[in-house]
C-alpha atoms as a PDB file:
ATOM      1  CA  MET A   1     157.433 126.636 133.251  1.00  0.00           C
ATOM      2  CA  THR A   2     155.670 127.731 129.545  1.00  0.00           C
ATOM      3  CA  HIS A   3     152.589 125.802 129.053  1.00  0.00           C
ATOM      4  CA  PRO A   4     152.681 123.779 125.584  1.00  0.00           C
ATOM      5  CA  SER A   5     149.909 125.696 123.714  1.00  0.00           C
ATOM      6  CA  ALA A   6     151.348 129.315 124.626  1.00  0.00           C
ATOM      7  CA  LYS A   7     151.980 130.583 121.530  1.00  0.00           C
ATOM      8  CA  PRO A   8     156.350 130.591 120.815  1.00  0.00           C
ATOM      9  CA  GLU A   9     158.800 133.643 120.841  1.00  0.00           C
ATOM     10  CA  PRO A  10     159.768 135.111 116.791  1.00  0.00           C
ATOM     11  CA  ALA A  11     162.267 132.921 116.774  1.00  0.00           C
ATOM     12  CA  PRO A  12     165.913 135.131 116.073  1.00  0.00           C
ATOM     13  CA  VAL A  13     166.807 134.937 111.196  1.00  0.00           C
ATOM     14  CA  ARG A  14     170.500 134.862 111.149  1.00  0.00           C
ATOM     15  CA  LEU A  15     171.603 135.452 108.224  1.00  0.00           C
ATOM     16  CA  ASP A  16     174.868 134.017 106.974  1.00  0.00           C
ATOM     17  CA  GLN A  17     176.610 134.007 103.016  1.00  0.00           C
ATOM     18  CA  ASP A  18     174.074 131.841 101.552  1.00  0.00           C
ATOM     19  CA  ALA A  19     172.463 131.079 103.975  1.00  0.00           C
ATOM     20  CA  ALA A  20     168.938 131.942 107.002  1.00  0.00           C
ATOM     21  CA  THR A  21     169.146 130.518 109.701  1.00  0.00           C
ATOM     22  CA  ALA A  22     165.758 130.403 112.313  1.00  0.00           C
ATOM     23  CA  ARG A  23     167.061 129.769 116.088  1.00  0.00           C
ATOM     24  CA  GLN A  24     164.540 129.098 118.941  1.00  0.00           C
ATOM     25  CA  PRO A  25     166.045 130.496 122.177  1.00  0.00           C
ATOM     26  CA  VAL A  26     165.788 128.711 125.259  1.00  0.00           C
ATOM     27  CA  ALA A  27     163.151 129.909 127.086  1.00  0.00           C
ATOM     28  CA  THR A  28     164.075 128.195 130.727  1.00  0.00           C
ATOM     29  CA  PRO A  29     166.839 126.284 131.611  1.00  0.00           C
ATOM     30  CA  ALA A  30     166.708 122.619 131.854  1.00  0.00           C
ATOM     31  CA  ARG A  31     164.638 121.453 134.760  1.00  0.00           C
ATOM     32  CA  GLU A  32     164.186 124.644 136.067  1.00  0.00           C
ATOM     33  CA  GLY A  33     160.561 123.358 137.812  1.00  0.00           C
ATOM     34  CA  TRP A  34     161.694 119.665 137.846  1.00  0.00           C
ATOM     35  CA  ALA A  35     161.957 120.391 141.869  1.00  0.00           C
ATOM     36  CA  GLN A  36     158.464 121.620 142.896  1.00  0.00           C
ATOM     37  CA  ALA A  37     157.122 119.294 139.929  1.00  0.00           C
ATOM     38  CA  ALA A  38     158.476 116.385 142.459  1.00  0.00           C
ATOM     39  CA  ARG A  39     157.026 117.673 145.219  1.00  0.00           C
ATOM     40  CA  VAL A  40     154.055 117.858 144.103  1.00  0.00           C
ATOM     41  CA  VAL A  41     153.920 114.046 142.847  1.00  0.00           C
ATOM     42  CA  ALA A  42     155.051 113.378 146.575  1.00  0.00           C
ATOM     43  CA  ALA A  43     152.459 114.328 148.017  1.00  0.00           C
ATOM     44  CA  GLN A  44     150.055 113.039 145.788  1.00  0.00           C
ATOM     45  CA  GLY A  45     151.383 109.457 146.551  1.00  0.00           C
ATOM     46  CA  ALA A  46     152.608 108.822 143.041  1.00  0.00           C
ATOM     47  CA  ASP A  47     156.538 108.718 143.363  1.00  0.00           C
ATOM     48  CA  THR A  48     156.415 104.597 143.522  1.00  0.00           C
ATOM     49  CA  LEU A  49     160.142 103.373 142.304  1.00  0.00           C
ATOM     50  CA  LEU A  50     158.373 101.106 138.639  1.00  0.00           C
ATOM     51  CA  ILE A  51     160.384  99.509 139.032  1.00  0.00           C
ATOM     52  CA  HIS A  52     162.295  97.250 142.058  1.00  0.00           C
ATOM     53  CA  GLU A  53     166.034  98.633 143.362  1.00  0.00           C
ATOM     54  CA  PHE A  54     168.104  96.669 141.798  1.00  0.00           C
ATOM     55  CA  GLY A  55     172.374  96.529 142.739  1.00  0.00           C
ATOM     56  CA  ASN A  56     175.782  95.846 141.455  1.00  0.00           C
ATOM     57  CA  ALA A  57     177.640  93.317 141.999  1.00  0.00           C
ATOM     58  CA  ALA A  58     180.004  94.913 143.364  1.00  0.00           C
ATOM     59  CA  ASP A  59     177.780  96.721 145.886  1.00  0.00           C
ATOM     60  CA  GLU A  60     179.413  94.293 149.232  1.00  0.00           C
ATOM     61  CA  GLU A  61     182.128  95.001 148.388  1.00  0.00           C
ATOM     62  CA  GLY A  62     182.389  99.062 148.949  1.00  0.00           C
ATOM     63  CA  ASP A  63     183.087 101.052 151.813  1.00  0.00           C
ATOM     64  CA  TRP A  64     179.344 102.017 152.674  1.00  0.00           C
END
């Protein structure tokens, strides 16, 4: 995971007829590192629910 203060890579620039477009490439796939971060949070005991669990009205009708 990249640190927020890390120096960004230069963005490629595409020149069209009347516009220049600069796009920052995606550095890492979405959710990369989340599993490891969740393990760290759990190891610290900081993985308690912030809100209580709640069911749906039809939960009792379901075949679980």
